[in-house]
PDB file of N, CA and C in Angstrom:
ATOM      1  N   UNK A   1     -49.803  30.928 -98.489  1.00  0.00           N
ATOM      2  CA  UNK A   1     -49.511  31.314 -97.253  1.00  0.00           C
ATOM      3  C   UNK A   1     -49.168  32.849 -97.051  1.00  0.00           C
ATOM      4  N   UNK A   2     -49.893  33.504 -96.033  1.00  0.00           N
ATOM      5  CA  UNK A   2     -49.636  34.837 -95.926  1.00  0.00           C
ATOM      6  C   UNK A   2     -48.212  35.166 -95.609  1.00  0.00           C
ATOM      7  N   UNK A   3     -47.780  36.471 -96.063  1.00  0.00           N
ATOM      8  CA  UNK A   3     -46.385  37.086 -95.597  1.00  0.00           C
ATOM      9  C   UNK A   3     -46.286  37.306 -94.302  1.00  0.00           C
ATOM     10  N   UNK A   4     -47.297  37.654 -93.793  1.00  0.00           N
ATOM     11  CA  UNK A   4     -47.379  37.977 -92.373  1.00  0.00           C
ATOM     12  C   UNK A   4     -47.441  37.065 -91.332  1.00  0.00           C
ATOM     13  N   UNK A   5     -47.661  35.843 -91.820  1.00  0.00           N
ATOM     14  CA  UNK A   5     -47.577  34.846 -90.782  1.00  0.00           C
ATOM     15  C   UNK A   5     -46.267  34.699 -90.021  1.00  0.00           C
ATOM     16  N   UNK A   6     -46.340  34.308 -88.848  1.00  0.00           N
ATOM     17  CA  UNK A   6     -45.302  34.288 -87.939  1.00  0.00           C
ATOM     18  C   UNK A   6     -44.845  32.955 -87.888  1.00  0.00           C
ATOM     19  N   UNK A   7     -43.573  32.611 -87.998  1.00  0.00           N
ATOM     20  CA  UNK A   7     -43.036  31.345 -87.582  1.00  0.00           C
ATOM     21  C   UNK A   7     -42.307  31.109 -86.214  1.00  0.00           C
ATOM     22  N   UNK A   8     -42.519  29.839 -85.607  1.00  0.00           N
ATOM     23  CA  UNK A   8     -42.101  29.853 -84.292  1.00  0.00           C
ATOM     24  C   UNK A   8     -41.067  28.514 -84.287  1.00  0.00           C
ATOM     25  N   UNK A   9     -40.033  28.425 -83.560  1.00  0.00           N
ATOM     26  CA  UNK A   9     -39.386  27.167 -83.548  1.00  0.00           C
ATOM     27  C   UNK A   9     -40.118  26.457 -82.336  1.00  0.00           C
ATOM     28  N   UNK A  10     -40.161  25.086 -82.697  1.00  0.00           N
ATOM     29  CA  UNK A  10     -40.762  24.301 -81.759  1.00  0.00           C
ATOM     30  C   UNK A  10     -40.070  22.977 -81.406  1.00  0.00           C
ATOM     31  N   UNK A  11     -38.788  22.845 -82.026  1.00  0.00           N
ATOM     32  CA  UNK A  11     -37.818  21.624 -81.819  1.00  0.00           C
ATOM     33  C   UNK A  11     -36.398  22.077 -81.945  1.00  0.00           C
ATOM     34  N   UNK A  12     -35.651  21.712 -81.128  1.00  0.00           N
ATOM     35  CA  UNK A  12     -34.280  21.759 -81.091  1.00  0.00           C
ATOM     36  C   UNK A  12     -33.536  20.498 -80.984  1.00  0.00           C
ATOM     37  N   UNK A  13     -32.507  20.271 -81.826  1.00  0.00           N
ATOM     38  CA  UNK A  13     -31.745  19.121 -81.637  1.00  0.00           C
ATOM     39  C   UNK A  13     -30.267  19.510 -81.296  1.00  0.00           C
ATOM     40  N   UNK A  14     -29.363  18.531 -80.617  1.00  0.00           N
ATOM     41  CA  UNK A  14     -28.030  18.753 -80.246  1.00  0.00           C
ATOM     42  C   UNK A  14     -27.246  18.919 -81.580  1.00  0.00           C
ATOM     43  N   UNK A  15     -26.454  19.772 -81.679  1.00  0.00           N
ATOM     44  CA  UNK A  15     -25.569  19.974 -82.909  1.00  0.00           C
ATOM     45  C   UNK A  15     -24.735  18.811 -82.940  1.00  0.00           C
ATOM     46  N   UNK A  16     -24.157  18.107 -81.830  1.00  0.00           N
ATOM     47  CA  UNK A  16     -23.271  16.833 -82.045  1.00  0.00           C
ATOM     48  C   UNK A  16     -24.222  15.785 -82.618  1.00  0.00           C
ATOM     49  N   UNK A  17     -25.625  15.611 -82.311  1.00  0.00           N
ATOM     50  CA  UNK A  17     -26.366  14.746 -82.967  1.00  0.00           C
ATOM     51  C   UNK A  17     -26.563  14.937 -84.613  1.00  0.00           C
ATOM     52  N   UNK A  18     -26.651  16.075 -84.786  1.00  0.00           N
ATOM     53  CA  UNK A  18     -26.807  16.586 -86.206  1.00  0.00           C
ATOM     54  C   UNK A  18     -25.550  16.261 -87.080  1.00  0.00           C
ATOM     55  N   UNK A  19     -24.337  16.677 -86.308  1.00  0.00           N
ATOM     56  CA  UNK A  19     -23.078  16.501 -87.185  1.00  0.00           C
ATOM     57  C   UNK A  19     -22.710  15.049 -87.441  1.00  0.00           C
ATOM     58  N   UNK A  20     -23.130  14.188 -86.553  1.00  0.00           N
ATOM     59  CA  UNK A  20     -22.847  12.672 -86.400  1.00  0.00           C
ATOM     60  C   UNK A  20     -24.037  11.926 -87.183  1.00  0.00           C
ATOM     61  N   UNK A  21     -25.039  12.582 -87.497  1.00  0.00           N
ATOM     62  CA  UNK A  21     -26.356  12.095 -88.098  1.00  0.00           C
ATOM     63  C   UNK A  21     -26.681  10.825 -87.091  1.00  0.00           C
ATOM     64  N   UNK A  22     -26.740  11.067 -85.854  1.00  0.00           N
ATOM     65  CA  UNK A  22     -27.102  10.281 -84.813  1.00  0.00           C
ATOM     66  C   UNK A  22     -28.538   9.896 -84.787  1.00  0.00           C
ATOM     67  N   UNK A  23     -28.956   8.704 -85.082  1.00  0.00           N
ATOM     68  CA  UNK A  23     -30.575   8.261 -84.913  1.00  0.00           C
ATOM     69  C   UNK A  23     -30.871   8.248 -83.583  1.00  0.00           C
ATOM     70  N   UNK A  24     -32.061   8.669 -83.149  1.00  0.00           N
ATOM     71  CA  UNK A  24     -32.437   8.622 -81.774  1.00  0.00           C
ATOM     72  C   UNK A  24     -31.754   9.477 -80.866  1.00  0.00           C
ATOM     73  N   UNK A  25     -31.295  10.658 -81.591  1.00  0.00           N
ATOM     74  CA  UNK A  25     -30.941  11.602 -80.642  1.00  0.00           C
ATOM     75  C   UNK A  25     -31.612  12.329 -79.669  1.00  0.00           C
ATOM     76  N   UNK A  26     -31.329  13.180 -78.985  1.00  0.00           N
ATOM     77  CA  UNK A  26     -32.213  14.127 -77.853  1.00  0.00           C
ATOM     78  C   UNK A  26     -32.611  15.324 -78.611  1.00  0.00           C
ATOM     79  N   UNK A  27     -33.960  15.541 -78.269  1.00  0.00           N
ATOM     80  CA  UNK A  27     -34.483  16.831 -78.872  1.00  0.00           C
ATOM     81  C   UNK A  27     -35.148  17.563 -77.572  1.00  0.00           C
ATOM     82  N   UNK A  28     -35.279  18.749 -77.805  1.00  0.00           N
ATOM     83  CA  UNK A  28     -36.210  19.796 -76.836  1.00  0.00           C
ATOM     84  C   UNK A  28     -37.214  20.275 -77.676  1.00  0.00           C
ATOM     85  N   UNK A  29     -38.268  20.028 -77.185  1.00  0.00           N
ATOM     86  CA  UNK A  29     -39.574  20.455 -77.914  1.00  0.00           C
ATOM     87  C   UNK A  29     -40.360  21.481 -77.182  1.00  0.00           C
ATOM     88  N   UNK A  30     -41.149  22.495 -77.938  1.00  0.00           N
ATOM     89  CA  UNK A  30     -41.854  23.432 -77.080  1.00  0.00           C
ATOM     90  C   UNK A  30     -43.424  22.925 -77.103  1.00  0.00           C
ATOM     91  N   UNK A  31     -44.105  23.070 -76.103  1.00  0.00           N
ATOM     92  CA  UNK A  31     -45.571  22.643 -76.142  1.00  0.00           C
ATOM     93  C   UNK A  31     -46.280  23.724 -75.659  1.00  0.00           C
ATOM     94  N   UNK A  32     -47.657  23.730 -76.105  1.00  0.00           N
ATOM     95  CA  UNK A  32     -48.734  24.523 -75.362  1.00  0.00           C
ATOM     96  C   UNK A  32     -49.784  23.440 -75.339  1.00  0.00           C
ATOM     97  N   UNK A  33     -50.742  23.576 -74.325  1.00  0.00           N
ATOM     98  CA  UNK A  33     -51.780  22.608 -74.112  1.00  0.00           C
ATOM     99  C   UNK A  33     -52.818  23.435 -73.201  1.00  0.00           C
ATOM    100  N   UNK A  34     -54.019  22.858 -73.473  1.00  0.00           N
ATOM    101  CA  UNK A  34     -55.105  23.230 -72.483  1.00  0.00           C
ATOM    102  C   UNK A  34     -55.020  22.717 -70.926  1.00  0.00           C
ATOM    103  N   UNK A  35     -53.887  22.133 -70.840  1.00  0.00           N
ATOM    104  CA  UNK A  35     -53.760  21.421 -69.384  1.00  0.00           C
ATOM    105  C   UNK A  35     -53.021  22.275 -68.643  1.00  0.00           C
ATOM    106  N   UNK A  36     -52.385  23.183 -69.055  1.00  0.00           N
ATOM    107  CA  UNK A  36     -51.508  24.256 -68.131  1.00  0.00           C
ATOM    108  C   UNK A  36     -51.185  25.635 -69.092  1.00  0.00           C
ATOM    109  N   UNK A  37     -50.998  26.485 -68.188  1.00  0.00           N
ATOM    110  CA  UNK A  37     -50.886  27.896 -68.802  1.00  0.00           C
ATOM    111  C   UNK A  37     -49.642  28.115 -69.469  1.00  0.00           C
ATOM    112  N   UNK A  38     -49.454  28.781 -70.684  1.00  0.00           N
ATOM    113  CA  UNK A  38     -48.247  29.274 -71.259  1.00  0.00           C
ATOM    114  C   UNK A  38     -47.618  28.126 -72.129  1.00  0.00           C
ATOM    115  N   UNK A  39     -46.235  28.195 -72.288  1.00  0.00           N
ATOM    116  CA  UNK A  39     -45.516  27.311 -73.073  1.00  0.00           C
ATOM    117  C   UNK A  39     -44.791  26.398 -72.051  1.00  0.00           C
ATOM    118  N   UNK A  40     -44.577  25.197 -72.336  1.00  0.00           N
ATOM    119  CA  UNK A  40     -43.639  24.192 -71.624  1.00  0.00           C
ATOM    120  C   UNK A  40     -42.645  23.693 -72.593  1.00  0.00           C
ATOM    121  N   UNK A  41     -41.807  22.945 -72.156  1.00  0.00           N
ATOM    122  CA  UNK A  41     -40.548  22.166 -72.868  1.00  0.00           C
ATOM    123  C   UNK A  41     -40.380  20.912 -72.390  1.00  0.00           C
ATOM    124  N   UNK A  42     -40.255  19.737 -73.201  1.00  0.00           N
ATOM    125  CA  UNK A  42     -39.950  18.505 -73.109  1.00  0.00           C
ATOM    126  C   UNK A  42     -38.535  18.112 -73.575  1.00  0.00           C
ATOM    127  N   UNK A  43     -37.747  17.190 -72.987  1.00  0.00           N
ATOM    128  CA  UNK A  43     -36.746  16.645 -73.492  1.00  0.00           C
ATOM    129  C   UNK A  43     -36.928  15.176 -73.807  1.00  0.00           C
ATOM    130  N   UNK A  44     -36.680  14.931 -75.071  1.00  0.00           N
ATOM    131  CA  UNK A  44     -37.104  13.698 -75.483  1.00  0.00           C
ATOM    132  C   UNK A  44     -35.836  12.966 -76.136  1.00  0.00           C
ATOM    133  N   UNK A  45     -35.970  11.428 -75.853  1.00  0.00           N
ATOM    134  CA  UNK A  45     -34.962  10.707 -76.668  1.00  0.00           C
ATOM    135  C   UNK A  45     -35.768  10.288 -78.027  1.00  0.00           C
ATOM    136  N   UNK A  46     -35.651  10.745 -79.105  1.00  0.00           N
ATOM    137  CA  UNK A  46     -36.120  10.482 -80.378  1.00  0.00           C
ATOM    138  C   UNK A  46     -36.435   9.054 -80.713  1.00  0.00           C
ATOM    139  N   UNK A  47     -37.640   8.882 -80.911  1.00  0.00           N
ATOM    140  CA  UNK A  47     -38.142   7.460 -81.415  1.00  0.00           C
ATOM    141  C   UNK A  47     -38.505   6.432 -80.226  1.00  0.00           C
ATOM    142  N   UNK A  48     -38.158   7.027 -78.897  1.00  0.00           N
ATOM    143  CA  UNK A  48     -38.337   6.015 -77.793  1.00  0.00           C
ATOM    144  C   UNK A  48     -39.206   6.168 -77.087  1.00  0.00           C
ATOM    145  N   UNK A  49     -40.087   7.124 -77.048  1.00  0.00           N
ATOM    146  CA  UNK A  49     -41.300   7.526 -76.326  1.00  0.00           C
ATOM    147  C   UNK A  49     -40.621   7.903 -74.936  1.00  0.00           C
ATOM    148  N   UNK A  50     -39.549   8.178 -74.815  1.00  0.00           N
ATOM    149  CA  UNK A  50     -38.974   8.467 -73.422  1.00  0.00           C
ATOM    150  C   UNK A  50     -38.907  10.005 -73.187  1.00  0.00           C
ATOM    151  N   UNK A  51     -38.971  10.504 -72.193  1.00  0.00           N
ATOM    152  CA  UNK A  51     -38.900  11.855 -71.975  1.00  0.00           C
ATOM    153  C   UNK A  51     -38.076  12.077 -70.387  1.00  0.00           C
ATOM    154  N   UNK A  52     -37.356  13.201 -70.536  1.00  0.00           N
ATOM    155  CA  UNK A  52     -36.673  13.558 -69.123  1.00  0.00           C
ATOM    156  C   UNK A  52     -37.517  14.206 -68.218  1.00  0.00           C
ATOM    157  N   UNK A  53     -37.404  13.748 -66.936  1.00  0.00           N
ATOM    158  CA  UNK A  53     -38.283  14.190 -65.848  1.00  0.00           C
ATOM    159  C   UNK A  53     -37.480  15.389 -65.119  1.00  0.00           C
ATOM    160  N   UNK A  54     -38.013  16.199 -64.209  1.00  0.00           N
ATOM    161  CA  UNK A  54     -37.178  17.219 -63.550  1.00  0.00           C
ATOM    162  C   UNK A  54     -36.193  16.799 -62.488  1.00  0.00           C
ATOM    163  N   UNK A  55     -36.153  15.324 -62.338  1.00  0.00           N
ATOM    164  CA  UNK A  55     -35.219  14.687 -61.443  1.00  0.00           C
ATOM    165  C   UNK A  55     -33.845  14.333 -62.313  1.00  0.00           C
ATOM    166  N   UNK A  56     -34.144  14.474 -63.631  1.00  0.00           N
ATOM    167  CA  UNK A  56     -33.054  13.868 -64.532  1.00  0.00           C
ATOM    168  C   UNK A  56     -33.210  12.570 -64.872  1.00  0.00           C
ATOM    169  N   UNK A  57     -34.331  11.889 -64.703  1.00  0.00           N
ATOM    170  CA  UNK A  57     -34.632  10.653 -65.173  1.00  0.00           C
ATOM    171  C   UNK A  57     -35.394  10.432 -66.157  1.00  0.00           C
ATOM    172  N   UNK A  58     -35.165   9.239 -67.053  1.00  0.00           N
ATOM    173  CA  UNK A  58     -35.954   9.000 -68.227  1.00  0.00           C
ATOM    174  C   UNK A  58     -37.060   8.392 -67.878  1.00  0.00           C
ATOM    175  N   UNK A  59     -38.331   8.655 -68.293  1.00  0.00           N
ATOM    176  CA  UNK A  59     -39.428   7.892 -68.127  1.00  0.00           C
ATOM    177  C   UNK A  59     -40.376   7.829 -69.499  1.00  0.00           C
ATOM    178  N   UNK A  60     -41.120   6.913 -69.431  1.00  0.00           N
ATOM    179  CA  UNK A  60     -42.253   6.517 -70.570  1.00  0.00           C
ATOM    180  C   UNK A  60     -43.100   7.637 -70.620  1.00  0.00           C
ATOM    181  N   UNK A  61     -43.493   8.133 -71.968  1.00  0.00           N
ATOM    182  CA  UNK A  61     -44.147   9.228 -72.162  1.00  0.00           C
ATOM    183  C   UNK A  61     -45.600   8.523 -72.693  1.00  0.00           C
ATOM    184  N   UNK A  62     -46.714   8.707 -71.907  1.00  0.00           N
ATOM    185  CA  UNK A  62     -47.943   8.027 -72.215  1.00  0.00           C
ATOM    186  C   UNK A  62     -48.636   8.849 -73.464  1.00  0.00           C
ATOM    187  N   UNK A  63     -49.581   8.295 -74.162  1.00  0.00           N
ATOM    188  CA  UNK A  63     -50.426   9.211 -75.027  1.00  0.00           C
ATOM    189  C   UNK A  63     -51.121  10.341 -74.480  1.00  0.00           C
ATOM    190  N   UNK A  64     -51.255  11.273 -75.099  1.00  0.00           N
ATOM    191  CA  UNK A  64     -51.919  12.566 -74.439  1.00  0.00           C
ATOM    192  C   UNK A  64     -53.048  12.142 -73.459  1.00  0.00           C
ATOM    193  N   UNK A  65     -53.938  11.387 -73.965  1.00  0.00           N
ATOM    194  CA  UNK A  65     -55.201  11.127 -73.022  1.00  0.00           C
ATOM    195  C   UNK A  65     -54.913  10.308 -71.941  1.00  0.00           C
ATOM    196  N   UNK A  66     -53.741   9.903 -71.673  1.00  0.00           N
ATOM    197  CA  UNK A  66     -53.194   9.125 -70.387  1.00  0.00           C
ATOM    198  C   UNK A  66     -52.531   9.872 -69.699  1.00  0.00           C
ATOM    199  N   UNK A  67     -52.196  11.159 -69.817  1.00  0.00           N
ATOM    200  CA  UNK A  67     -51.217  12.068 -69.133  1.00  0.00           C
ATOM    201  C   UNK A  67     -51.995  12.632 -68.003  1.00  0.00           C
ATOM    202  N   UNK A  68     -51.521  12.868 -66.802  1.00  0.00           N
ATOM    203  CA  UNK A  68     -52.072  13.513 -65.788  1.00  0.00           C
ATOM    204  C   UNK A  68     -51.279  14.885 -65.402  1.00  0.00           C
ATOM    205  N   UNK A  69     -51.848  15.443 -64.511  1.00  0.00           N
ATOM    206  CA  UNK A  69     -51.375  16.834 -64.007  1.00  0.00           C
ATOM    207  C   UNK A  69     -49.856  16.568 -63.459  1.00  0.00           C
ATOM    208  N   UNK A  70     -49.708  15.280 -62.572  1.00  0.00           N
ATOM    209  CA  UNK A  70     -48.497  14.956 -62.268  1.00  0.00           C
ATOM    210  C   UNK A  70     -47.308  14.703 -63.224  1.00  0.00           C
ATOM    211  N   UNK A  71     -47.769  14.223 -64.356  1.00  0.00           N
ATOM    212  CA  UNK A  71     -47.042  14.040 -65.610  1.00  0.00           C
ATOM    213  C   UNK A  71     -46.404  15.329 -65.880  1.00  0.00           C
ATOM    214  N   UNK A  72     -47.430  16.363 -66.107  1.00  0.00           N
ATOM    215  CA  UNK A  72     -47.086  17.501 -66.876  1.00  0.00           C
ATOM    216  C   UNK A  72     -46.317  18.301 -65.826  1.00  0.00           C
ATOM    217  N   UNK A  73     -46.345  18.061 -64.673  1.00  0.00           N
ATOM    218  CA  UNK A  73     -45.463  18.682 -63.728  1.00  0.00           C
ATOM    219  C   UNK A  73     -43.993  18.158 -63.702  1.00  0.00           C
ATOM    220  N   UNK A  74     -44.034  16.838 -63.728  1.00  0.00           N
ATOM    221  CA  UNK A  74     -42.720  16.300 -63.825  1.00  0.00           C
ATOM    222  C   UNK A  74     -41.863  16.288 -64.949  1.00  0.00           C
ATOM    223  N   UNK A  75     -42.542  16.187 -66.217  1.00  0.00           N
ATOM    224  CA  UNK A  75     -41.919  16.130 -67.484  1.00  0.00           C
ATOM    225  C   UNK A  75     -42.107  17.196 -68.448  1.00  0.00           C
ATOM    226  N   UNK A  76     -42.484  18.674 -67.994  1.00  0.00           N
ATOM    227  CA  UNK A  76     -42.548  19.656 -68.742  1.00  0.00           C
ATOM    228  C   UNK A  76     -41.958  20.763 -67.913  1.00  0.00           C
ATOM    229  N   UNK A  77     -40.845  21.187 -68.696  1.00  0.00           N
ATOM    230  CA  UNK A  77     -40.007  22.407 -68.050  1.00  0.00           C
ATOM    231  C   UNK A  77     -40.654  23.722 -68.437  1.00  0.00           C
ATOM    232  N   UNK A  78     -40.281  24.673 -67.386  1.00  0.00           N
ATOM    233  CA  UNK A  78     -40.850  25.961 -67.545  1.00  0.00           C
ATOM    234  C   UNK A  78     -40.345  26.892 -68.569  1.00  0.00           C
ATOM    235  N   UNK A  79     -38.872  26.387 -68.976  1.00  0.00           N
ATOM    236  CA  UNK A  79     -38.185  27.201 -69.864  1.00  0.00           C
ATOM    237  C   UNK A  79     -37.201  26.218 -70.754  1.00  0.00           C
ATOM    238  N   UNK A  80     -36.782  26.666 -71.687  1.00  0.00           N
ATOM    239  CA  UNK A  80     -35.914  25.717 -72.597  1.00  0.00           C
ATOM    240  C   UNK A  80     -34.451  25.577 -71.817  1.00  0.00           C
ATOM    241  N   UNK A  81     -34.276  26.779 -71.053  1.00  0.00           N
ATOM    242  CA  UNK A  81     -32.885  26.666 -70.225  1.00  0.00           C
ATOM    243  C   UNK A  81     -33.017  25.669 -69.162  1.00  0.00           C
ATOM    244  N   UNK A  82     -34.344  25.441 -68.507  1.00  0.00           N
ATOM    245  CA  UNK A  82     -34.215  24.665 -67.341  1.00  0.00           C
ATOM    246  C   UNK A  82     -34.323  23.206 -68.199  1.00  0.00           C
ATOM    247  N   UNK A  83     -34.678  22.903 -69.044  1.00  0.00           N
ATOM    248  CA  UNK A  83     -34.779  21.612 -69.857  1.00  0.00           C
ATOM    249  C   UNK A  83     -33.181  21.289 -70.329  1.00  0.00           C
ATOM    250  N   UNK A  84     -32.466  22.169 -70.679  1.00  0.00           N
ATOM    251  CA  UNK A  84     -31.128  22.152 -71.283  1.00  0.00           C
ATOM    252  C   UNK A  84     -30.329  21.603 -69.903  1.00  0.00           C
ATOM    253  N   UNK A  85     -30.410  22.512 -69.027  1.00  0.00           N
ATOM    254  CA  UNK A  85     -29.690  22.298 -67.742  1.00  0.00           C
ATOM    255  C   UNK A  85     -29.914  20.948 -67.013  1.00  0.00           C
ATOM    256  N   UNK A  86     -31.006  20.671 -67.127  1.00  0.00           N
ATOM    257  CA  UNK A  86     -31.593  19.134 -66.515  1.00  0.00           C
ATOM    258  C   UNK A  86     -30.954  18.237 -67.140  1.00  0.00           C
ATOM    259  N   UNK A  87     -30.902  18.227 -68.529  1.00  0.00           N
ATOM    260  CA  UNK A  87     -30.405  17.336 -69.542  1.00  0.00           C
ATOM    261  C   UNK A  87     -28.684  17.313 -69.219  1.00  0.00           C
ATOM    262  N   UNK A  88     -28.142  18.450 -69.094  1.00  0.00           N
ATOM    263  CA  UNK A  88     -26.779  18.555 -68.819  1.00  0.00           C
ATOM    264  C   UNK A  88     -26.238  17.666 -67.622  1.00  0.00           C
ATOM    265  N   UNK A  89     -27.183  18.044 -66.670  1.00  0.00           N
ATOM    266  CA  UNK A  89     -26.932  17.300 -65.263  1.00  0.00           C
ATOM    267  C   UNK A  89     -27.084  15.943 -65.307  1.00  0.00           C
ATOM    268  N   UNK A  90     -28.152  15.361 -66.133  1.00  0.00           N
ATOM    269  CA  UNK A  90     -28.434  13.889 -66.264  1.00  0.00           C
ATOM    270  C   UNK A  90     -27.412  13.331 -67.038  1.00  0.00           C
ATOM    271  N   UNK A  91     -26.650  13.861 -68.096  1.00  0.00           N
ATOM    272  CA  UNK A  91     -25.709  13.474 -68.893  1.00  0.00           C
ATOM    273  C   UNK A  91     -24.322  13.288 -68.110  1.00  0.00           C
ATOM    274  N   UNK A  92     -24.178  14.017 -67.107  1.00  0.00           N
ATOM    275  CA  UNK A  92     -22.987  13.884 -66.057  1.00  0.00           C
ATOM    276  C   UNK A  92     -23.038  13.161 -65.062  1.00  0.00           C
ATOM    277  N   UNK A  93     -24.384  12.470 -64.827  1.00  0.00           N
ATOM    278  CA  UNK A  93     -24.837  11.559 -63.806  1.00  0.00           C
ATOM    279  C   UNK A  93     -24.921  12.381 -62.600  1.00  0.00           C
ATOM    280  N   UNK A  94     -25.619  13.543 -62.706  1.00  0.00           N
ATOM    281  CA  UNK A  94     -26.171  14.357 -61.517  1.00  0.00           C
ATOM    282  C   UNK A  94     -27.699  14.195 -61.335  1.00  0.00           C
ATOM    283  N   UNK A  95     -28.165  13.095 -61.669  1.00  0.00           N
ATOM    284  CA  UNK A  95     -29.713  13.131 -61.403  1.00  0.00           C
ATOM    285  C   UNK A  95     -29.953  13.247 -59.911  1.00  0.00           C
ATOM    286  N   UNK A  96     -31.000  14.030 -59.643  1.00  0.00           N
ATOM    287  CA  UNK A  96     -31.705  14.411 -58.327  1.00  0.00           C
ATOM    288  C   UNK A  96     -32.537  13.120 -57.823  1.00  0.00           C
ATOM    289  N   UNK A  97     -32.037  12.692 -56.794  1.00  0.00           N
ATOM    290  CA  UNK A  97     -32.865  11.461 -56.204  1.00  0.00           C
ATOM    291  C   UNK A  97     -33.889  11.973 -55.116  1.00  0.00           C
ATOM    292  N   UNK A  98     -35.099  11.716 -55.261  1.00  0.00           N
ATOM    293  CA  UNK A  98     -36.096  12.093 -54.476  1.00  0.00           C
ATOM    294  C   UNK A  98     -36.750  10.936 -53.801  1.00  0.00           C
TER     295      UNK A  98
END
């Protein structure tokens, strides 16, 4: 490995899940894809194939070949901060109903 290689964080876990060794905790992951520009972020329930959408609701995450543009718009956040804010609202029961 080259000393000049750059390392980038791609996954974050909640401190409370780490401290209590919670299995199936919530993670935020950074993504890049040929289906959209730049980086996006997802909120996942580990091990469940469920992701949080922008309305603060959990939904099934299909395999990549079955994801469409609407899925990426609903379930990929433009920033890590947006992902965290939506998760906080969801945990407080403040999901947006549309």
